[in-house]
Amino acid sequence: MPGSRNLPGALDRDTLRQLFEELADELARARVRACICIIGGAAMTMAHRRDRATHGVDARTTANRPCSRRSERSQSATDCRLPG
């Protein structure tokens, strides 16, 4: 965004929304029901700050093993800046 102070590789609001939508679609295809609570900088970016980004996503998920594996895979993809 013009005028923003985000560093390269930061996750902005639109990117976070896209990644969470992709994760939700993948979980739905696998018929995995999950509750993911986003906290920290990502939550603030999603809820309040269009002009800021974060470098990570802090989340708490349900104790569902398939969900945990998908979450780990999504985190690895995010670390490489690939779609979840």
Protein backbone atom coordinates (compact mmCIF):
# COMPACT_ATOMS: atom_id res chain seq x y z
CA MET A 1 0.00 0.00 0.00
CA PRO A 2 1.28 3.45 -0.70
CA GLY A 3 2.58 5.13 2.41
CA SER A 4 2.54 1.99 4.51
CA ARG A 5 5.47 1.00 6.65
CA ASN A 6 5.32 -2.73 5.92
CA LEU A 7 8.44 -4.75 5.22
CA PRO A 8 8.72 -7.15 2.27
CA GLY A 9 7.06 -10.48 3.00
CA ALA A 10 4.59 -9.00 5.47
CA LEU A 11 1.05 -10.37 5.46
CA ASP A 12 -1.49 -7.63 4.87
CA ARG A 13 -5.22 -7.83 5.50
CA ASP A 14 -6.11 -9.03 1.99
CA THR A 15 -3.40 -11.71 1.97
CA LEU A 16 -4.46 -12.98 5.40
CA ARG A 17 -8.09 -13.16 4.29
CA GLN A 18 -7.10 -15.09 1.15
CA LEU A 19 -4.97 -17.57 3.11
CA PHE A 20 -7.72 -18.17 5.68
CA GLU A 21 -10.28 -18.69 2.91
CA GLU A 22 -7.98 -21.23 1.25
CA LEU A 23 -7.50 -23.03 4.58
CA ALA A 24 -11.28 -23.05 5.17
CA ASP A 25 -11.88 -24.48 1.68
CA GLU A 26 -9.28 -27.21 2.20
CA LEU A 27 -10.71 -28.15 5.59
CA ALA A 28 -14.24 -28.23 4.13
CA ARG A 29 -13.12 -30.53 1.28
CA ALA A 30 -11.57 -32.86 3.86
CA ARG A 31 -14.75 -32.60 5.98
CA VAL A 32 -12.73 -31.37 8.92
CA ARG A 33 -14.54 -29.08 11.29
CA ALA A 34 -12.27 -26.68 13.14
CA CYS A 35 -12.30 -23.61 15.30
CA ILE A 36 -9.35 -21.31 14.68
CA CYS A 37 -8.91 -18.27 16.90
CA ILE A 38 -6.56 -15.69 15.41
CA ILE A 39 -4.72 -13.61 18.00
CA GLY A 40 -1.93 -11.04 18.10
CA GLY A 41 -0.81 -8.87 15.21
CA ALA A 42 -2.77 -10.83 12.59
CA ALA A 43 -6.00 -10.31 14.54
CA MET A 44 -5.32 -6.59 14.81
CA THR A 45 -4.51 -6.38 11.10
CA MET A 46 -7.70 -8.24 10.19
CA ALA A 47 -9.95 -6.26 12.52
CA HIS A 48 -8.57 -2.74 12.57
CA ARG A 49 -5.52 -1.86 10.49
CA ARG A 50 -5.74 -1.73 6.73
CA ASP A 51 -2.42 0.14 6.56
CA ARG A 52 -0.34 -2.36 8.55
CA ALA A 53 0.77 -5.94 8.10
CA THR A 54 2.23 -8.71 10.22
CA HIS A 55 4.94 -11.30 9.65
CA GLY A 56 3.20 -14.19 11.33
CA VAL A 57 -0.09 -15.58 12.47
CA ASP A 58 -0.62 -16.57 16.08
CA ALA A 59 -3.59 -18.90 16.41
CA ARG A 60 -5.16 -21.42 18.68
CA THR A 61 -6.91 -24.36 17.02
CA THR A 62 -9.08 -27.22 18.15
CA ALA A 63 -7.26 -30.41 19.10
CA ASN A 64 -8.09 -32.15 15.84
CA ARG A 65 -5.11 -34.01 14.39
CA PRO A 66 -6.03 -33.54 10.68
CA CYS A 67 -6.60 -29.86 11.39
CA SER A 68 -3.20 -29.63 13.09
CA ARG A 69 -1.43 -31.17 10.08
CA ARG A 70 -3.16 -28.76 7.70
CA SER A 71 -2.34 -25.85 9.97
CA GLU A 72 1.33 -26.88 10.05
CA ARG A 73 1.35 -27.19 6.26
CA SER A 74 -0.27 -23.78 5.89
CA GLN A 75 2.29 -22.27 8.26
CA SER A 76 5.12 -23.77 6.19
CA ALA A 77 3.57 -22.38 3.03
CA THR A 78 3.18 -18.98 4.66
CA ASP A 79 6.81 -19.03 5.77
CA CYS A 80 7.73 -19.48 2.10
CA ARG A 81 5.09 -16.95 1.02
CA LEU A 82 3.18 -19.63 -0.88
CA PRO A 83 -0.59 -20.10 -0.81
CA GLY A 84 -1.74 -22.26 2.15
